């Protein structure tokens, strides 16, 4: 069993991004600028956004955090999104999910300029990704692909089972893994909460991507010997032994699954760190106008 070490890889990628940003600065070019909009003050969202801002600072990028009370109207939020769209100094825009119930996440995502949609959630970017055209790819699936590439994991002809069909992770992951490229060329099975014989299907996977959002859902009896297991889950579970009062768990029961695998991601220290790197890579592309010249 070998760990797919997101901590090691993310440090490597951040060094590469920092070097590129430093070169832009030396040449008098425009420094990439990421804008994050945060509605409310939920602990998990606060943590995620703070981490994104901190990482931008570490690689020399500009970042701006725009905060709104949970009571903000949808119209006011959409006006702010359009304002960022029209600001040429701001290259990438993310709106942290989830949003309050009175705001349509779909409407917000559709209002973001596709050229600034560094989260890869806009329908145009999702459609372009599905067709194999240049696009901003959702940060988590892109981070998984980067991890597979950097560990030189063979994917062609493999059976990839994705557990979870979210538009942010599961669905794009299933599309990306079947494309005629590397990583890709897999035979893909997309499963979800209504799938019958789920454990049986998971046992056929050469590559198992767990993105269901249920702590420790995948157990040893669902994984075949030698499988590659990629755990996208990151949930807070109450734990009185921790100072914070909670522990971070993935969708995979790591201790019992790991011995059966050839590669596995830890939680924390796995896919989550790669997601933030992907976001910064997309912001760099946005500043360079690589996807939408």
Protein backbone atom coordinates (compact mmCIF):
# COMPACT_ATOMS: atom_id res chain seq x y z
CA UNK A 1 0.00 0.00 0.00
CA UNK A 2 1.29 3.45 -0.96
CA UNK A 3 -0.20 6.72 0.25
CA UNK A 4 -1.23 9.26 -2.36
CA UNK A 5 0.27 12.10 -0.37
CA UNK A 6 -1.63 15.32 -1.05
CA UNK A 7 0.51 17.23 1.40
CA UNK A 8 3.71 16.42 -0.47
CA UNK A 9 2.19 17.02 -3.91
CA UNK A 10 0.47 20.28 -2.95
CA UNK A 11 3.76 21.68 -1.60
CA UNK A 12 5.41 20.76 -4.91
CA UNK A 13 2.64 22.35 -7.00
CA UNK A 14 2.57 25.51 -4.88
CA UNK A 15 6.31 25.94 -5.46
CA UNK A 16 5.71 25.67 -9.21
CA UNK A 17 2.86 28.22 -9.10
CA UNK A 18 4.91 30.60 -6.92
CA UNK A 19 7.78 30.44 -9.44
CA UNK A 20 5.39 31.30 -12.29
CA UNK A 21 3.85 34.19 -10.36
CA UNK A 22 7.32 35.48 -9.49
CA UNK A 23 8.24 35.40 -13.18
CA UNK A 24 5.08 37.36 -14.06
CA UNK A 25 6.00 39.94 -11.42
CA UNK A 26 9.60 40.24 -12.73
CA UNK A 27 8.29 40.82 -16.25
CA UNK A 28 5.89 43.50 -15.03
CA UNK A 29 2.82 41.43 -15.87
CA UNK A 30 -0.53 41.30 -14.15
CA UNK A 31 -0.52 39.35 -10.87
CA UNK A 32 -3.35 36.76 -10.78
CA UNK A 33 -6.23 37.85 -8.52
CA UNK A 34 -8.77 35.46 -6.95
CA UNK A 35 -12.02 36.75 -5.45
CA UNK A 36 -14.07 34.66 -3.01
CA UNK A 37 -17.61 35.48 -1.92
CA UNK A 38 -18.70 34.05 1.42
CA UNK A 39 -22.31 34.21 2.59
CA UNK A 40 -22.83 33.65 6.32
CA UNK A 41 -20.36 32.33 8.85
CA UNK A 42 -20.62 28.53 8.86
CA UNK A 43 -17.51 27.04 10.43
CA UNK A 44 -16.59 24.68 7.59
CA UNK A 45 -17.07 27.35 4.88
CA UNK A 46 -15.03 29.85 6.93
CA UNK A 47 -12.21 27.32 7.20
CA UNK A 48 -12.24 26.45 3.48
CA UNK A 49 -12.26 30.07 2.33
CA UNK A 50 -9.54 31.11 4.79
CA UNK A 51 -7.35 28.28 3.51
CA UNK A 52 -7.88 29.37 -0.11
CA UNK A 53 -6.97 32.97 0.70
CA UNK A 54 -3.90 31.91 2.69
CA UNK A 55 -2.64 29.69 -0.12
CA UNK A 56 -3.03 32.50 -2.65
CA UNK A 57 -0.91 34.72 -0.43
CA UNK A 58 1.75 32.01 -0.09
CA UNK A 59 2.23 31.76 -3.87
CA UNK A 60 2.22 35.53 -4.38
CA UNK A 61 -1.26 35.91 -5.87
CA UNK A 62 -3.69 38.66 -4.93
CA UNK A 63 -6.90 37.62 -3.17
CA UNK A 64 -10.04 39.40 -2.04
CA UNK A 65 -12.70 38.07 0.32
CA UNK A 66 -16.19 39.57 0.04
CA UNK A 67 -18.52 38.76 2.94
CA UNK A 68 -22.31 38.88 3.17
CA UNK A 69 -24.71 38.23 6.03
CA UNK A 70 -26.85 35.10 5.62
CA UNK A 71 -29.84 37.39 5.11
CA UNK A 72 -28.43 38.91 1.90
CA UNK A 73 -30.94 38.85 -0.95
CA UNK A 74 -30.29 36.82 -4.07
CA UNK A 75 -30.54 40.02 -6.16
CA UNK A 76 -27.85 41.76 -4.10
CA UNK A 77 -25.54 38.74 -4.33
CA UNK A 78 -26.03 38.50 -8.11
CA UNK A 79 -25.26 42.23 -8.45
CA UNK A 80 -21.94 41.68 -6.65
CA UNK A 81 -21.13 38.71 -8.93
CA UNK A 82 -21.77 40.91 -12.00
CA UNK A 83 -19.59 43.65 -10.49
CA UNK A 84 -16.68 41.19 -10.17
CA UNK A 85 -17.38 39.90 -13.71
CA UNK A 86 -16.91 43.46 -15.02
CA UNK A 87 -13.72 44.20 -13.05
CA UNK A 88 -10.71 43.50 -15.30
CA UNK A 89 -8.36 43.37 -12.30
CA UNK A 90 -10.21 40.35 -10.89
CA UNK A 91 -9.34 37.13 -12.75
CA UNK A 92 -11.08 34.33 -10.88
CA UNK A 93 -14.31 34.24 -8.86
CA UNK A 94 -15.61 31.59 -6.49
CA UNK A 95 -18.82 31.69 -4.48
CA UNK A 96 -18.46 29.36 -1.50
CA UNK A 97 -21.15 26.69 -1.26
CA UNK A 98 -23.54 25.88 0.35
CA UNK A 99 -25.63 29.05 0.13
CA UNK A 100 -28.68 29.88 2.29
CA UNK A 101 -31.92 28.22 1.18
CA UNK A 102 -33.42 31.43 -0.22
CA UNK A 103 -30.61 31.77 -2.78
CA UNK A 104 -30.44 29.55 -5.88
CA UNK A 105 -26.92 28.17 -6.22
CA UNK A 106 -27.65 27.38 -9.88
CA UNK A 107 -28.60 31.00 -10.63
CA UNK A 108 -25.47 32.23 -8.90
CA UNK A 109 -23.22 29.81 -10.80
CA UNK A 110 -24.86 30.71 -14.12
CA UNK A 111 -24.28 34.42 -13.43
CA UNK A 112 -20.51 34.02 -12.97
CA UNK A 113 -18.62 34.85 -16.17
CA UNK A 114 -17.43 31.45 -17.54
CA UNK A 115 -14.02 33.05 -18.13
CA UNK A 116 -13.75 33.76 -14.37
CA UNK A 117 -15.39 30.52 -13.21
CA UNK A 118 -12.25 28.98 -11.69
CA UNK A 119 -14.38 26.51 -9.70
CA UNK A 120 -15.54 25.02 -13.02
CA UNK A 121 -19.23 25.01 -12.02
CA UNK A 122 -20.73 27.06 -14.86
CA UNK A 123 -22.82 24.97 -17.33
CA UNK A 124 -20.64 26.25 -20.19
CA UNK A 125 -17.47 24.96 -18.52
CA UNK A 126 -19.14 21.65 -17.66
CA UNK A 127 -20.32 21.29 -21.26
CA UNK A 128 -16.92 22.17 -22.69
CA UNK A 129 -15.28 19.66 -20.35
CA UNK A 130 -17.73 16.95 -21.49
CA UNK A 131 -16.86 17.66 -25.14
CA UNK A 132 -13.13 17.64 -24.42
CA UNK A 133 -12.74 21.36 -25.20
CA UNK A 134 -10.53 23.70 -23.15
CA UNK A 135 -12.44 24.48 -19.95
CA UNK A 136 -12.07 25.19 -16.27
CA UNK A 137 -12.47 21.77 -14.69
CA UNK A 138 -14.03 21.46 -11.24
CA UNK A 139 -11.20 21.86 -8.77
CA UNK A 140 -11.62 18.55 -6.91
CA UNK A 141 -11.76 16.25 -9.97
CA UNK A 142 -8.86 18.20 -11.49
CA UNK A 143 -6.90 17.68 -8.26
CA UNK A 144 -7.56 13.94 -8.44
CA UNK A 145 -6.32 13.82 -12.06
CA UNK A 146 -3.18 15.71 -11.06
CA UNK A 147 -2.57 13.22 -8.26
CA UNK A 148 -2.98 10.26 -10.62
CA UNK A 149 -0.55 11.83 -13.11
CA UNK A 150 2.13 12.68 -10.58
CA UNK A 151 2.08 9.16 -9.16
CA UNK A 152 2.17 7.75 -12.73
CA UNK A 153 -0.87 5.52 -12.09
CA UNK A 154 -1.95 3.63 -15.20
CA UNK A 155 -5.61 4.20 -16.06
CA UNK A 156 -6.15 2.93 -19.63
CA UNK A 157 -8.48 -0.09 -19.71
CA UNK A 158 -9.12 0.02 -15.96
CA UNK A 159 -12.56 -0.15 -14.41
CA UNK A 160 -13.24 3.05 -12.47
CA UNK A 161 -16.20 3.10 -10.09
CA UNK A 162 -17.32 6.52 -8.86
CA UNK A 163 -19.54 6.53 -5.76
CA UNK A 164 -21.58 9.74 -5.75
CA UNK A 165 -23.12 11.73 -8.60
CA UNK A 166 -22.79 15.36 -7.49
CA UNK A 167 -22.31 17.98 -10.21
CA UNK A 168 -19.21 19.19 -8.39
CA UNK A 169 -17.31 15.89 -8.05
CA UNK A 170 -18.97 12.60 -9.00
CA UNK A 171 -20.42 13.53 -12.40
CA UNK A 172 -17.35 15.39 -13.74
CA UNK A 173 -15.07 12.68 -12.36
CA UNK A 174 -16.98 10.02 -14.31
CA UNK A 175 -16.72 12.07 -17.52
CA UNK A 176 -13.02 12.81 -17.10
CA UNK A 177 -12.01 9.22 -16.38
CA UNK A 178 -13.59 7.89 -19.59
CA UNK A 179 -12.10 10.53 -21.94
CA UNK A 180 -9.60 9.45 -24.59
CA UNK A 181 -6.63 10.96 -22.78
CA UNK A 182 -4.41 10.42 -19.74
CA UNK A 183 -5.61 10.11 -17.07
CA UNK A 184 -8.60 8.47 -18.67
CA UNK A 185 -9.56 5.67 -21.07
CA UNK A 186 -11.28 3.88 -18.19
CA UNK A 187 -14.52 1.98 -18.32
CA UNK A 188 -16.55 4.00 -15.83
CA UNK A 189 -19.47 3.04 -13.60
CA UNK A 190 -21.20 5.96 -11.87
CA UNK A 191 -23.04 4.84 -8.73
CA UNK A 192 -25.08 6.66 -6.10
CA UNK A 193 -27.37 6.25 -3.10
CA UNK A 194 -30.06 4.43 -5.15
CA UNK A 195 -27.67 1.96 -6.79
CA UNK A 196 -28.54 -1.66 -6.10
CA UNK A 197 -25.74 -4.10 -5.21
CA UNK A 198 -23.40 -1.17 -4.57
CA UNK A 199 -20.85 -3.20 -2.59
CA UNK A 200 -20.72 -5.80 -5.35
CA UNK A 201 -20.08 -3.12 -8.00
CA UNK A 202 -17.40 -1.45 -5.87
CA UNK A 203 -15.58 -4.78 -5.57
CA UNK A 204 -15.09 -4.80 -9.36
CA UNK A 205 -13.26 -1.46 -9.30
CA UNK A 206 -9.59 -1.13 -10.21
CA UNK A 207 -9.96 2.55 -9.29
CA UNK A 208 -12.58 3.46 -6.67
CA UNK A 209 -13.48 7.13 -6.19
CA UNK A 210 -15.54 7.69 -3.04
CA UNK A 211 -17.45 10.98 -3.19
CA UNK A 212 -20.72 10.28 -1.40
CA UNK A 213 -20.34 12.57 1.61
CA UNK A 214 -20.98 9.84 4.18
CA UNK A 215 -18.22 9.32 6.77
CA UNK A 216 -16.50 5.92 6.55
CA UNK A 217 -19.15 4.56 4.17
CA UNK A 218 -16.72 2.44 2.14
CA UNK A 219 -15.58 -0.59 4.15
CA UNK A 220 -13.07 -3.35 3.47
CA UNK A 221 -15.68 -5.74 2.09
CA UNK A 222 -16.40 -3.21 -0.71
CA UNK A 223 -12.82 -3.10 -2.01
CA UNK A 224 -10.91 -5.70 -3.98
CA UNK A 225 -7.28 -6.54 -3.34
CA UNK A 226 -4.88 -4.14 -5.04
CA UNK A 227 -7.46 -1.47 -5.84
CA UNK A 228 -6.61 2.23 -6.03
CA UNK A 229 -8.89 4.10 -3.61
CA UNK A 230 -9.39 7.85 -3.85
CA UNK A 231 -11.31 9.33 -0.94
CA UNK A 232 -12.92 12.69 -1.76
CA UNK A 233 -14.96 12.87 1.46
CA UNK A 234 -14.19 15.35 4.21
CA UNK A 235 -16.74 15.42 7.02
CA UNK A 236 -16.63 16.67 10.59
CA UNK A 237 -17.50 13.88 13.04
CA UNK A 238 -17.98 14.59 16.77
CA UNK A 239 -14.95 13.43 18.76
CA UNK A 240 -14.66 14.33 22.45
CA UNK A 241 -10.97 13.36 22.49
CA UNK A 242 -10.12 16.24 20.15
CA UNK A 243 -9.59 19.79 21.35
CA UNK A 244 -11.84 21.05 18.56
CA UNK A 245 -14.57 18.58 19.54
CA UNK A 246 -14.57 16.91 16.13
CA UNK A 247 -12.42 14.75 13.86
CA UNK A 248 -12.15 14.91 10.07
CA UNK A 249 -13.23 11.70 8.35
CA UNK A 250 -13.37 10.66 4.74
CA UNK A 251 -15.89 8.47 2.93
CA UNK A 252 -13.56 5.47 3.35
CA UNK A 253 -12.93 3.54 6.58
CA UNK A 254 -9.20 4.05 6.14
CA UNK A 255 -7.74 1.69 8.76
CA UNK A 256 -9.53 -1.39 7.46
CA UNK A 257 -9.47 -0.52 3.73
CA UNK A 258 -5.86 0.66 3.38
CA UNK A 259 -4.18 -2.78 3.77
CA UNK A 260 -6.11 -4.08 0.75
CA UNK A 261 -5.12 -1.25 -1.60
CA UNK A 262 -2.17 -0.53 -3.88
CA UNK A 263 -2.70 3.24 -3.51
CA UNK A 264 -5.00 5.21 -1.18
CA UNK A 265 -5.51 8.85 -0.22
CA UNK A 266 -5.49 9.82 3.46
CA UNK A 267 -8.03 12.18 5.06
CA UNK A 268 -6.97 14.80 5.87
CA UNK A 269 -3.83 15.29 3.76
CA UNK A 270 -5.16 13.93 0.49
CA UNK A 271 -7.57 15.25 -2.11
CA UNK A 272 -8.58 18.39 -0.17
CA UNK A 273 -5.13 19.95 -0.52
CA UNK A 274 -5.09 19.12 -4.23
CA UNK A 275 -8.43 20.90 -4.66
CA UNK A 276 -6.95 24.17 -3.42
CA UNK A 277 -3.95 23.75 -5.75
CA UNK A 278 -6.31 23.22 -8.70
CA UNK A 279 -8.13 26.41 -7.80
CA UNK A 280 -4.85 28.36 -7.89
CA UNK A 281 -3.83 26.69 -11.16
CA UNK A 282 -7.16 27.75 -12.67
CA UNK A 283 -6.70 31.30 -11.41
CA UNK A 284 -3.28 31.41 -13.07
CA UNK A 285 -4.88 30.20 -16.33
CA UNK A 286 -7.59 32.87 -15.96
CA UNK A 287 -4.99 35.63 -15.55
CA UNK A 288 -3.22 34.37 -18.66
CA UNK A 289 -6.52 33.99 -20.52
CA UNK A 290 -5.55 30.44 -21.51
CA UNK A 291 -9.09 29.02 -21.67
CA UNK A 292 -10.96 32.07 -22.99
CA UNK A 293 -8.47 34.25 -24.93
